[in-house]
Protein backbone atom coordinates (compact mmCIF):
# COMPACT_ATOMS: atom_id res chain seq x y z
CA MET A 1 134.30 -29.48 -12.03
CA ALA A 2 133.94 -27.08 -14.96
CA GLU A 3 136.02 -24.21 -13.58
CA LYS A 4 139.69 -24.50 -12.65
CA ILE A 5 140.22 -24.08 -8.90
CA LYS A 6 143.47 -22.39 -7.91
CA PRO A 7 145.64 -23.82 -5.13
CA PRO A 8 145.07 -22.55 -1.57
CA ARG A 9 147.21 -19.71 -0.17
CA MET A 10 148.84 -19.81 3.27
CA LYS A 11 150.33 -17.03 5.41
CA LEU A 12 152.55 -17.25 8.46
CA LYS A 13 155.19 -15.02 10.01
CA ARG A 14 158.56 -14.95 8.23
CA ARG A 15 160.59 -15.56 11.39
CA ILE A 16 159.26 -17.42 14.38
CA LYS A 17 160.90 -18.04 17.76
CA GLN A 18 161.42 -21.62 18.83
CA ASN A 19 158.52 -22.83 21.04
CA GLU A 20 156.44 -19.77 20.08
CA ILE A 21 152.74 -20.19 19.36
CA PHE A 22 152.22 -18.86 15.84
CA LYS A 23 149.15 -18.21 13.73
CA VAL A 24 148.50 -19.92 10.40
CA LYS A 25 146.02 -18.44 7.92
CA VAL A 26 144.94 -20.33 4.84
CA ARG A 27 142.48 -19.13 2.22
CA PHE A 28 141.00 -21.38 -0.41
CA ASP A 29 138.92 -20.03 -3.29
CA HIS A 30 136.59 -23.00 -3.63
CA PRO A 31 132.84 -22.82 -4.28
CA SER A 32 130.44 -24.47 -1.89
CA PHE A 33 127.06 -25.72 -3.05
CA THR A 34 124.74 -28.28 -1.51
CA GLY A 35 123.38 -29.32 -4.90
CA LEU A 36 119.84 -28.89 -3.65
CA GLY A 37 117.38 -26.84 -5.67
CA MET A 38 113.90 -26.72 -7.08
CA VAL A 39 113.73 -29.37 -9.79
CA ASP A 40 110.09 -28.81 -10.65
CA GLU A 41 108.61 -25.30 -10.37
CA ASN A 42 105.17 -26.79 -9.64
CA GLU A 43 106.42 -28.77 -6.62
CA GLU A 44 107.63 -27.18 -3.41
CA LEU A 45 110.30 -29.81 -2.78
CA PHE A 46 114.04 -29.45 -2.85
CA ASN A 47 115.85 -32.22 -4.67
CA ARG A 48 119.39 -32.84 -5.84
CA ALA A 49 119.29 -30.45 -8.81
CA ILE A 50 123.00 -30.54 -9.65
CA PRO A 51 126.01 -32.27 -8.08
CA SER A 52 127.19 -30.86 -4.76
CA THR A 53 130.62 -29.31 -4.36
CA PHE A 54 132.25 -28.39 -1.06
CA ILE A 55 135.41 -28.90 0.96
CA ARG A 56 135.10 -32.16 2.90
CA ASN A 57 138.47 -32.29 4.75
CA MET A 58 141.35 -30.01 5.60
CA LEU A 59 144.44 -31.86 6.85
CA VAL A 60 147.27 -30.01 8.61
CA TYR A 61 150.77 -31.50 8.65
CA TYR A 62 153.74 -30.11 10.57
CA ASP A 63 156.81 -31.75 9.12
CA ASP A 64 155.35 -35.13 8.09
CA GLU A 65 153.09 -35.46 11.15
CA LEU A 66 149.33 -35.00 10.87
CA VAL A 67 148.59 -32.47 13.64
CA SER A 68 144.98 -31.56 12.87
CA ARG A 69 142.04 -32.58 10.73
CA PHE A 70 139.06 -30.35 10.00
CA ARG A 71 135.96 -32.10 8.67
CA THR A 72 133.39 -29.80 7.11
CA SER A 73 129.96 -30.12 5.53
CA SER A 74 128.10 -28.50 2.66
CA ALA A 75 127.24 -25.66 5.05
CA ILE A 76 130.79 -24.25 4.68
CA ALA A 77 131.00 -20.83 3.03
CA ASP A 78 132.37 -20.18 -0.43
CA ASN A 79 136.08 -19.29 -0.44
CA PRO A 80 136.70 -19.95 3.27
CA LEU A 81 139.52 -18.48 5.38
CA PHE A 82 140.81 -20.78 8.12
CA THR A 83 142.90 -19.47 11.02
CA PHE A 84 144.49 -21.66 13.68
CA LYS A 85 147.59 -21.80 15.89
CA LEU A 86 150.55 -24.16 16.10
CA LYS A 87 153.55 -24.38 18.40
CA ALA A 88 156.94 -23.97 16.68
CA VAL A 89 158.81 -27.00 17.99
CA LYS A 90 161.10 -27.41 14.97
CA GLU A 91 162.07 -25.86 11.66
CA ALA A 92 159.94 -27.80 9.22
CA PRO A 93 157.25 -27.25 6.60
CA VAL A 94 153.59 -26.74 7.46
CA LYS A 95 151.48 -28.39 4.78
CA ILE A 96 147.73 -27.98 4.34
CA VAL A 97 145.80 -30.47 2.19
CA PHE A 98 142.20 -29.84 1.11
CA ILE A 99 139.99 -32.65 -0.18
CA ASP A 100 136.55 -31.89 -1.60
CA ASP A 101 133.48 -34.12 -1.70
CA GLN A 102 134.46 -35.34 -5.19
CA GLY A 103 137.85 -36.56 -3.90
CA GLU A 104 139.92 -33.85 -5.61
CA ARG A 105 143.01 -32.63 -3.68
CA TRP A 106 144.79 -29.30 -3.39
CA GLU A 107 147.70 -28.42 -1.14
CA THR A 108 149.96 -25.61 -0.04
CA SER A 109 153.10 -25.54 2.07
CA LYS A 110 155.35 -23.02 3.87
CA ASP A 111 158.51 -23.53 5.87
CA VAL A 112 158.76 -22.54 9.54
CA LYS A 113 162.08 -20.72 10.00
CA PHE A 114 163.36 -19.77 13.45
CA ARG A 115 164.39 -16.19 14.13
CA THR A 116 168.10 -15.86 14.91
């Protein structure tokens, strides 16, 4: 990919109660393109004009356990924002791993800390 893609950014509350359901937000500035386009102006057919680029998988780990997998297609928007909920069962990192259709990986991580 010609342009450098920055790592994803994750937000969650600073202090979370044990067994609380908390919200995770993760934003990833990644382009999404099907690769389809008009190759020949005289033909009304879409063909693979340039290589596609889109997020294929988003893996969510809580501690070292895979807790969720999101599988997306080329229909995903540019620079998506994902929001989902987890239950705070232990103080441990939440790690999000993105893999695009070219096999490139990006990840971000934040620690869940219980409120005292």
